[in-house]
Amino acid sequence: MALACPSCRVALARLRLDLQRCPSCGVSYPRDDGIWRLLREGREDALRPLVTHYEAVRRGEGRGFRDPDVLRALPFSAAPSFLRAGLGY
């Protein structure tokens, strides 16, 4: 599966196993703990208050996991057909 730059939509070029770069705008995107971090510059800071609030609400409801391995152990299911159409499957 090819990844595209979230800013200019150009296909990313792999520099290393866990790092891709946009050949058009030069921004690099790392893979952290198996997840590609494809947020545009500044978006993580802009979203931090929302994520902090969301996590606090979920903890208050008794939801959430401190150990991400719990989520990794869940059975994987392919995307439903209505999503696959938009993902190029």
C-alpha atoms as a PDB file:
ATOM      1  CA  MET A   1       0.000   0.000   0.000  1.00  0.00           C
ATOM      2  CA  ALA A   2       1.414   3.385  -0.998  1.00  0.00           C
ATOM      3  CA  LEU A   3       1.053   6.317   1.352  1.00  0.00           C
ATOM      4  CA  ALA A   4       0.484   9.882   0.182  1.00  0.00           C
ATOM      5  CA  CYS A   5       1.569  13.180   1.667  1.00  0.00           C
ATOM      6  CA  PRO A   6      -1.341  14.623   3.666  1.00  0.00           C
ATOM      7  CA  SER A   7      -0.479  18.117   2.428  1.00  0.00           C
ATOM      8  CA  CYS A   8       0.148  17.765  -1.309  1.00  0.00           C
ATOM      9  CA  ARG A   9      -1.135  14.202  -1.975  1.00  0.00           C
ATOM     10  CA  VAL A  10       2.082  13.076  -3.721  1.00  0.00           C
ATOM     11  CA  ALA A  11       3.140   9.442  -3.114  1.00  0.00           C
ATOM     12  CA  LEU A  12       5.697   9.198  -0.331  1.00  0.00           C
ATOM     13  CA  ALA A  13       9.162   7.768  -0.954  1.00  0.00           C
ATOM     14  CA  ARG A  14      10.536   5.278   1.558  1.00  0.00           C
ATOM     15  CA  LEU A  15      13.831   6.357   3.099  1.00  0.00           C
ATOM     16  CA  ARG A  16      14.025   3.596   5.694  1.00  0.00           C
ATOM     17  CA  LEU A  17      11.716   0.903   7.004  1.00  0.00           C
ATOM     18  CA  ASP A  18      10.117   3.365   9.441  1.00  0.00           C
ATOM     19  CA  LEU A  19      10.523   6.654   7.580  1.00  0.00           C
ATOM     20  CA  GLN A  20       8.978   8.053   4.410  1.00  0.00           C
ATOM     21  CA  ARG A  21       9.437  11.468   2.806  1.00  0.00           C
ATOM     22  CA  CYS A  22       7.399  13.541   0.403  1.00  0.00           C
ATOM     23  CA  PRO A  23       9.504  14.175  -2.709  1.00  0.00           C
ATOM     24  CA  SER A  24       7.468  17.306  -3.430  1.00  0.00           C
ATOM     25  CA  CYS A  25       7.434  19.232  -0.133  1.00  0.00           C
ATOM     26  CA  GLY A  26      10.282  17.394   1.645  1.00  0.00           C
ATOM     27  CA  VAL A  27       8.410  16.607   4.867  1.00  0.00           C
ATOM     28  CA  SER A  28       9.299  13.275   6.515  1.00  0.00           C
ATOM     29  CA  TYR A  29       6.769  10.992   8.179  1.00  0.00           C
ATOM     30  CA  PRO A  30       7.895   8.355  10.717  1.00  0.00           C
ATOM     31  CA  ARG A  31       6.272   5.095  11.707  1.00  0.00           C
ATOM     32  CA  ASP A  32       6.100   4.921  15.489  1.00  0.00           C
ATOM     33  CA  ASP A  33       5.277   1.606  17.142  1.00  0.00           C
ATOM     34  CA  GLY A  34       3.859   0.308  13.851  1.00  0.00           C
ATOM     35  CA  ILE A  35       1.664   3.358  13.163  1.00  0.00           C
ATOM     36  CA  TRP A  36       2.463   5.859  10.413  1.00  0.00           C
ATOM     37  CA  ARG A  37       2.304   9.417  11.793  1.00  0.00           C
ATOM     38  CA  LEU A  38       0.838  11.312   8.846  1.00  0.00           C
ATOM     39  CA  LEU A  39      -0.286  14.480  10.566  1.00  0.00           C
ATOM     40  CA  ARG A  40       0.475  17.730   8.801  1.00  0.00           C
ATOM     41  CA  GLU A  41       2.886  20.046  10.556  1.00  0.00           C
ATOM     42  CA  GLY A  42       1.241  21.709  13.548  1.00  0.00           C
ATOM     43  CA  ARG A  43      -1.783  19.399  13.634  1.00  0.00           C
ATOM     44  CA  GLU A  44      -0.531  17.356  16.594  1.00  0.00           C
ATOM     45  CA  ASP A  45      -0.257  20.499  18.720  1.00  0.00           C
ATOM     46  CA  ALA A  46      -3.669  21.703  17.534  1.00  0.00           C
ATOM     47  CA  LEU A  47      -5.296  18.349  18.379  1.00  0.00           C
ATOM     48  CA  ARG A  48      -3.567  17.817  21.742  1.00  0.00           C
ATOM     49  CA  PRO A  49      -6.348  19.499  23.856  1.00  0.00           C
ATOM     50  CA  LEU A  50      -9.015  17.379  22.143  1.00  0.00           C
ATOM     51  CA  VAL A  51      -7.060  14.155  22.679  1.00  0.00           C
ATOM     52  CA  THR A  52      -6.343  15.034  26.316  1.00  0.00           C
ATOM     53  CA  HIS A  53     -10.042  15.684  26.969  1.00  0.00           C
ATOM     54  CA  TYR A  54     -11.101  12.530  25.104  1.00  0.00           C
ATOM     55  CA  GLU A  55      -8.698  10.355  27.082  1.00  0.00           C
ATOM     56  CA  ALA A  56      -9.865  11.886  30.387  1.00  0.00           C
ATOM     57  CA  VAL A  57     -13.521  11.206  29.543  1.00  0.00           C
ATOM     58  CA  ARG A  58     -12.784   7.621  28.520  1.00  0.00           C
ATOM     59  CA  ARG A  59     -10.778   6.981  31.711  1.00  0.00           C
ATOM     60  CA  GLY A  60     -13.668   8.419  33.734  1.00  0.00           C
ATOM     61  CA  GLU A  61     -15.986   5.940  32.032  1.00  0.00           C
ATOM     62  CA  GLY A  62     -13.632   3.083  32.884  1.00  0.00           C
ATOM     63  CA  ARG A  63     -12.558   2.618  29.275  1.00  0.00           C
ATOM     64  CA  GLY A  64      -9.111   2.502  27.804  1.00  0.00           C
ATOM     65  CA  PHE A  65      -5.992   0.428  28.155  1.00  0.00           C
ATOM     66  CA  ARG A  66      -2.641   1.388  29.591  1.00  0.00           C
ATOM     67  CA  ASP A  67      -0.979  -1.436  27.673  1.00  0.00           C
ATOM     68  CA  PRO A  68      -1.290  -1.079  23.865  1.00  0.00           C
ATOM     69  CA  ASP A  69      -0.573  -4.817  23.507  1.00  0.00           C
ATOM     70  CA  VAL A  70      -4.163  -5.428  24.672  1.00  0.00           C
ATOM     71  CA  LEU A  71      -5.407  -3.695  21.514  1.00  0.00           C
ATOM     72  CA  ARG A  72      -2.812  -5.363  19.289  1.00  0.00           C
ATOM     73  CA  ALA A  73      -4.042  -8.770  20.484  1.00  0.00           C
ATOM     74  CA  LEU A  74      -7.591  -8.125  19.242  1.00  0.00           C
ATOM     75  CA  PRO A  75      -8.551 -10.080  16.121  1.00  0.00           C
ATOM     76  CA  PHE A  76      -8.029  -8.166  12.886  1.00  0.00           C
ATOM     77  CA  SER A  77     -10.827  -7.836  10.397  1.00  0.00           C
ATOM     78  CA  ALA A  78     -10.430  -6.426   6.896  1.00  0.00           C
ATOM     79  CA  ALA A  79     -12.125  -3.123   6.189  1.00  0.00           C
ATOM     80  CA  PRO A  80     -15.802  -3.420   5.227  1.00  0.00           C
ATOM     81  CA  SER A  81     -16.536  -3.299   1.494  1.00  0.00           C
ATOM     82  CA  PHE A  82     -17.930   0.243   1.642  1.00  0.00           C
ATOM     83  CA  LEU A  83     -14.592   1.421   3.032  1.00  0.00           C
ATOM     84  CA  ARG A  84     -12.449  -0.699   0.704  1.00  0.00           C
ATOM     85  CA  ALA A  85     -13.940   1.096  -2.300  1.00  0.00           C
ATOM     86  CA  GLY A  86     -12.531   4.387  -1.061  1.00  0.00           C
ATOM     87  CA  LEU A  87      -9.179   2.867  -0.109  1.00  0.00           C
ATOM     88  CA  GLY A  88      -8.361   1.493  -3.535  1.00  0.00           C
ATOM     89  CA  TYR A  89      -8.792  -2.194  -2.660  1.00  0.00           C
END
